[in-house]
C-alpha atoms as a PDB file:
ATOM      1  CA  MET A   1      -9.967   8.538 -16.097  1.00  0.00           C
ATOM      2  CA  ASP A   2     -13.314  10.077 -16.972  1.00  0.00           C
ATOM      3  CA  SER A   3     -16.301  10.070 -14.619  1.00  0.00           C
ATOM      4  CA  LYS A   4     -17.955   7.135 -16.411  1.00  0.00           C
ATOM      5  CA  GLU A   5     -14.877   4.968 -15.827  1.00  0.00           C
ATOM      6  CA  HIS A   6     -14.668   6.038 -12.186  1.00  0.00           C
ATOM      7  CA  ASP A   7     -18.328   5.143 -11.583  1.00  0.00           C
ATOM      8  CA  LYS A   8     -18.103   1.633 -13.020  1.00  0.00           C
ATOM      9  CA  LYS A   9     -18.060  -1.261 -10.562  1.00  0.00           C
ATOM     10  CA  ILE A  10     -14.853  -3.267 -10.538  1.00  0.00           C
ATOM     11  CA  SER A  11     -14.923  -6.999  -9.928  1.00  0.00           C
ATOM     12  CA  TYR A  12     -11.912  -7.290  -7.637  1.00  0.00           C
ATOM     13  CA  SER A  13     -12.123 -11.089  -7.688  1.00  0.00           C
ATOM     14  CA  GLU A  14     -11.318 -11.023 -11.413  1.00  0.00           C
ATOM     15  CA  LEU A  15      -8.161  -8.928 -11.098  1.00  0.00           C
ATOM     16  CA  GLU A  16      -5.133 -11.054 -11.937  1.00  0.00           C
ATOM     17  CA  ILE A  17      -1.721 -10.951 -10.283  1.00  0.00           C
ATOM     18  CA  GLY A  18       0.658  -8.844 -12.373  1.00  0.00           C
ATOM     19  CA  THR A  19      -2.050  -6.496 -13.649  1.00  0.00           C
ATOM     20  CA  ILE A  20      -1.170  -2.808 -13.683  1.00  0.00           C
ATOM     21  CA  VAL A  21      -4.042  -1.429 -11.597  1.00  0.00           C
ATOM     22  CA  SER A  22      -2.944   2.206 -11.682  1.00  0.00           C
ATOM     23  CA  LYS A  23      -0.655   4.313 -13.819  1.00  0.00           C
ATOM     24  CA  GLN A  24      -0.812   8.046 -13.216  1.00  0.00           C
ATOM     25  CA  SER A  25       1.400  11.075 -13.757  1.00  0.00           C
ATOM     26  CA  TYR A  26       1.368  14.004 -11.354  1.00  0.00           C
ATOM     27  CA  LEU A  27       3.033  17.352 -10.986  1.00  0.00           C
ATOM     28  CA  LEU A  28       4.236  17.549  -7.400  1.00  0.00           C
ATOM     29  CA  ASP A  29       3.666  21.292  -7.162  1.00  0.00           C
ATOM     30  CA  ARG A  30       3.882  23.539  -4.116  1.00  0.00           C
ATOM     31  CA  GLU A  31       0.087  23.607  -3.693  1.00  0.00           C
ATOM     32  CA  SER A  32      -0.089  19.780  -3.537  1.00  0.00           C
ATOM     33  CA  VAL A  33       2.736  19.638  -1.014  1.00  0.00           C
ATOM     34  CA  GLN A  34       1.112  22.323   1.154  1.00  0.00           C
ATOM     35  CA  LYS A  35      -2.242  20.483   1.061  1.00  0.00           C
ATOM     36  CA  TYR A  36      -0.477  17.302   2.162  1.00  0.00           C
ATOM     37  CA  ILE A  37       1.337  19.081   5.010  1.00  0.00           C
ATOM     38  CA  LEU A  38      -1.899  20.702   6.211  1.00  0.00           C
ATOM     39  CA  ALA A  39      -3.789  17.395   6.007  1.00  0.00           C
ATOM     40  CA  VAL A  40      -1.269  15.595   8.215  1.00  0.00           C
ATOM     41  CA  GLU A  41      -0.697  18.636  10.454  1.00  0.00           C
ATOM     42  CA  ASP A  42       3.086  18.341  10.206  1.00  0.00           C
ATOM     43  CA  SER A  43       4.645  21.722  10.993  1.00  0.00           C
ATOM     44  CA  THR A  44       8.170  20.262  10.828  1.00  0.00           C
ATOM     45  CA  ASN A  45       7.757  19.217   7.184  1.00  0.00           C
ATOM     46  CA  SER A  46       6.238  22.607   6.373  1.00  0.00           C
ATOM     47  CA  ILE A  47       9.409  24.377   7.482  1.00  0.00           C
ATOM     48  CA  VAL A  48      11.681  21.895   5.665  1.00  0.00           C
ATOM     49  CA  ALA A  49       9.624  21.980   2.439  1.00  0.00           C
ATOM     50  CA  GLU A  50       9.593  25.786   2.331  1.00  0.00           C
ATOM     51  CA  SER A  51      13.270  26.269   3.113  1.00  0.00           C
ATOM     52  CA  SER A  52      14.740  23.488   0.975  1.00  0.00           C
ATOM     53  CA  ASN A  53      12.161  23.027  -1.802  1.00  0.00           C
ATOM     54  CA  ILE A  54      12.279  19.260  -1.127  1.00  0.00           C
ATOM     55  CA  ALA A  55       8.940  17.448  -0.992  1.00  0.00           C
ATOM     56  CA  PRO A  56       8.201  15.364   2.111  1.00  0.00           C
ATOM     57  CA  PRO A  57       8.691  11.707   1.151  1.00  0.00           C
ATOM     58  CA  MET A  58       5.259  10.665   2.428  1.00  0.00           C
ATOM     59  CA  SER A  59       3.619  13.202   0.094  1.00  0.00           C
ATOM     60  CA  ILE A  60       4.985  11.060  -2.753  1.00  0.00           C
ATOM     61  CA  ALA A  61       3.536   7.918  -1.179  1.00  0.00           C
ATOM     62  CA  ALA A  62       0.185   9.684  -0.793  1.00  0.00           C
ATOM     63  CA  LEU A  63       0.139  10.515  -4.516  1.00  0.00           C
ATOM     64  CA  SER A  64       0.893   6.936  -5.506  1.00  0.00           C
ATOM     65  CA  LEU A  65      -1.866   5.593  -3.250  1.00  0.00           C
ATOM     66  CA  ARG A  66      -4.329   8.214  -4.510  1.00  0.00           C
ATOM     67  CA  GLY A  67      -3.962   6.735  -7.986  1.00  0.00           C
ATOM     68  CA  VAL A  68      -4.637   3.213  -6.695  1.00  0.00           C
ATOM     69  CA  VAL A  69      -7.730   4.268  -4.729  1.00  0.00           C
ATOM     70  CA  ASN A  70      -9.133   6.246  -7.662  1.00  0.00           C
ATOM     71  CA  ASP A  71      -8.302   3.779 -10.430  1.00  0.00           C
ATOM     72  CA  LEU A  72      -9.609   0.760  -8.504  1.00  0.00           C
ATOM     73  CA  ASN A  73     -12.664   2.749  -7.421  1.00  0.00           C
ATOM     74  CA  ILE A  74     -11.998   1.654  -3.819  1.00  0.00           C
ATOM     75  CA  PRO A  75     -15.180   2.229  -1.780  1.00  0.00           C
ATOM     76  CA  GLY A  76     -15.490   3.964   1.575  1.00  0.00           C
ATOM     77  CA  GLY A  77     -15.019   1.629   4.523  1.00  0.00           C
ATOM     78  CA  THR A  78     -11.905   0.105   3.013  1.00  0.00           C
ATOM     79  CA  LEU A  79      -8.856  -0.111   5.257  1.00  0.00           C
ATOM     80  CA  HIS A  80      -5.285   0.584   4.248  1.00  0.00           C
ATOM     81  CA  ILE A  81      -3.685  -1.906   6.627  1.00  0.00           C
ATOM     82  CA  GLY A  82      -0.020  -1.775   5.812  1.00  0.00           C
ATOM     83  CA  GLN A  83       2.765  -0.469   3.687  1.00  0.00           C
ATOM     84  CA  GLU A  84       6.468  -0.912   3.184  1.00  0.00           C
ATOM     85  CA  LEU A  85       8.166   1.955   1.408  1.00  0.00           C
ATOM     86  CA  SER A  86      11.703   2.774   0.323  1.00  0.00           C
ATOM     87  CA  PHE A  87      12.544   6.327  -0.692  1.00  0.00           C
ATOM     88  CA  LEU A  88      15.488   6.271  -3.059  1.00  0.00           C
ATOM     89  CA  LYS A  89      16.015   9.883  -4.034  1.00  0.00           C
ATOM     90  CA  THR A  90      14.941  13.312  -2.822  1.00  0.00           C
ATOM     91  CA  VAL A  91      12.274  14.988  -4.928  1.00  0.00           C
ATOM     92  CA  PRO A  92      12.156  18.736  -5.396  1.00  0.00           C
ATOM     93  CA  VAL A  93       8.816  20.511  -5.484  1.00  0.00           C
ATOM     94  CA  GLY A  94       7.844  21.029  -9.130  1.00  0.00           C
ATOM     95  CA  MET A  95       8.878  17.542 -10.298  1.00  0.00           C
ATOM     96  CA  TYR A  96       6.661  15.389 -12.516  1.00  0.00           C
ATOM     97  CA  LEU A  97       6.180  11.904 -11.104  1.00  0.00           C
ATOM     98  CA  GLU A  98       4.992   8.699 -12.766  1.00  0.00           C
ATOM     99  CA  CYS A  99       3.243   6.391 -10.306  1.00  0.00           C
ATOM    100  CA  GLU A 100       2.531   2.766 -11.191  1.00  0.00           C
ATOM    101  CA  ALA A 101       0.878   0.075  -9.093  1.00  0.00           C
ATOM    102  CA  VAL A 102       0.892  -3.635  -9.955  1.00  0.00           C
ATOM    103  CA  LEU A 103      -1.320  -6.179  -8.201  1.00  0.00           C
ATOM    104  CA  SER A 104       0.910  -8.714  -6.435  1.00  0.00           C
ATOM    105  CA  SER A 105      -1.660 -10.491  -4.250  1.00  0.00           C
ATOM    106  CA  ASN A 106      -5.444 -10.810  -4.284  1.00  0.00           C
ATOM    107  CA  SER A 107      -6.887 -13.155  -1.694  1.00  0.00           C
ATOM    108  CA  VAL A 108      -9.947 -13.697   0.479  1.00  0.00           C
ATOM    109  CA  ARG A 109      -9.796 -14.584   4.164  1.00  0.00           C
ATOM    110  CA  GLY A 110     -13.146 -14.914   5.869  1.00  0.00           C
ATOM    111  CA  ASP A 111     -15.298 -11.920   5.061  1.00  0.00           C
ATOM    112  CA  PHE A 112     -12.453  -9.786   3.726  1.00  0.00           C
ATOM    113  CA  ARG A 113     -10.466  -9.383   0.515  1.00  0.00           C
ATOM    114  CA  PHE A 114      -6.791  -8.492   0.873  1.00  0.00           C
ATOM    115  CA  MET A 115      -5.098  -6.859  -2.095  1.00  0.00           C
ATOM    116  CA  VAL A 116      -1.399  -6.059  -2.172  1.00  0.00           C
ATOM    117  CA  VAL A 117      -0.057  -3.645  -4.764  1.00  0.00           C
ATOM    118  CA  ASP A 118       3.585  -3.065  -5.606  1.00  0.00           C
ATOM    119  CA  LEU A 119       4.230   0.657  -5.962  1.00  0.00           C
ATOM    120  CA  SER A 120       6.808   2.291  -8.198  1.00  0.00           C
ATOM    121  CA  VAL A 121       7.340   6.037  -8.546  1.00  0.00           C
ATOM    122  CA  ARG A 122       9.767   7.547 -11.056  1.00  0.00           C
ATOM    123  CA  ASP A 123      10.779  11.141 -11.580  1.00  0.00           C
ATOM    124  CA  ASP A 124      10.871  13.017 -14.880  1.00  0.00           C
ATOM    125  CA  VAL A 125      14.258  11.489 -15.791  1.00  0.00           C
ATOM    126  CA  LYS A 126      12.859   7.969 -15.130  1.00  0.00           C
ATOM    127  CA  ASP A 127      14.862   7.397 -11.927  1.00  0.00           C
ATOM    128  CA  HIS A 128      13.081   5.524  -9.163  1.00  0.00           C
ATOM    129  CA  VAL A 129      12.313   7.842  -6.268  1.00  0.00           C
ATOM    130  CA  MET A 130      10.124   5.397  -4.323  1.00  0.00           C
ATOM    131  CA  LYS A 131       9.390   1.670  -4.336  1.00  0.00           C
ATOM    132  CA  GLY A 132       7.177  -0.278  -2.014  1.00  0.00           C
ATOM    133  CA  LYS A 133       4.001  -2.171  -1.432  1.00  0.00           C
ATOM    134  CA  SER A 134       0.664  -1.417   0.133  1.00  0.00           C
ATOM    135  CA  THR A 135      -2.000  -3.755   1.527  1.00  0.00           C
ATOM    136  CA  ILE A 136      -5.675  -2.893   1.231  1.00  0.00           C
ATOM    137  CA  MET A 137      -8.495  -4.750   3.003  1.00  0.00           C
ATOM    138  CA  LEU A 138     -12.147  -4.494   1.972  1.00  0.00           C
ATOM    139  CA  PRO A 139     -15.279  -6.477   2.760  1.00  0.00           C
ATOM    140  CA  VAL A 140     -15.917  -9.358   0.347  1.00  0.00           C
ATOM    141  CA  ASP A 141     -19.553  -8.349  -0.154  1.00  0.00           C
ATOM    142  CA  ILE A 142     -18.501  -5.120  -1.903  1.00  0.00           C
ATOM    143  CA  SER A 143     -15.445  -6.576  -3.621  1.00  0.00           C
ATOM    144  CA  ASN A 144     -16.963  -9.321  -5.793  1.00  0.00           C
END
């Protein structure tokens, strides 16, 4: 996505259920994994990731959500209020991942919009490594 696309305002109320709201490919390299581990201050995962070359599962979830936040141009002040994730396969560092998010719910309750996205992450041989859903809440006044 170029900077012009990222800067455009999205009318969240017009997003339809079933729309692919994010589709990104990432290389899950050692630098990305180390940045994730440092960000969450998890020394246990640091030791495991270095000794086994297996990426922490939540680093994969973080990548998939990064695509959603960027592609939907989610503003600051938005809350990520819930997620349900299933990790189906270990992922070695150095793997290419395809992350896709599909809008499964888009509703307004009071002053807030609740959007639920179904997440799907596949590895470079097209096997699912993670499936799940994430719920995002943002004020209606910035989500119209």
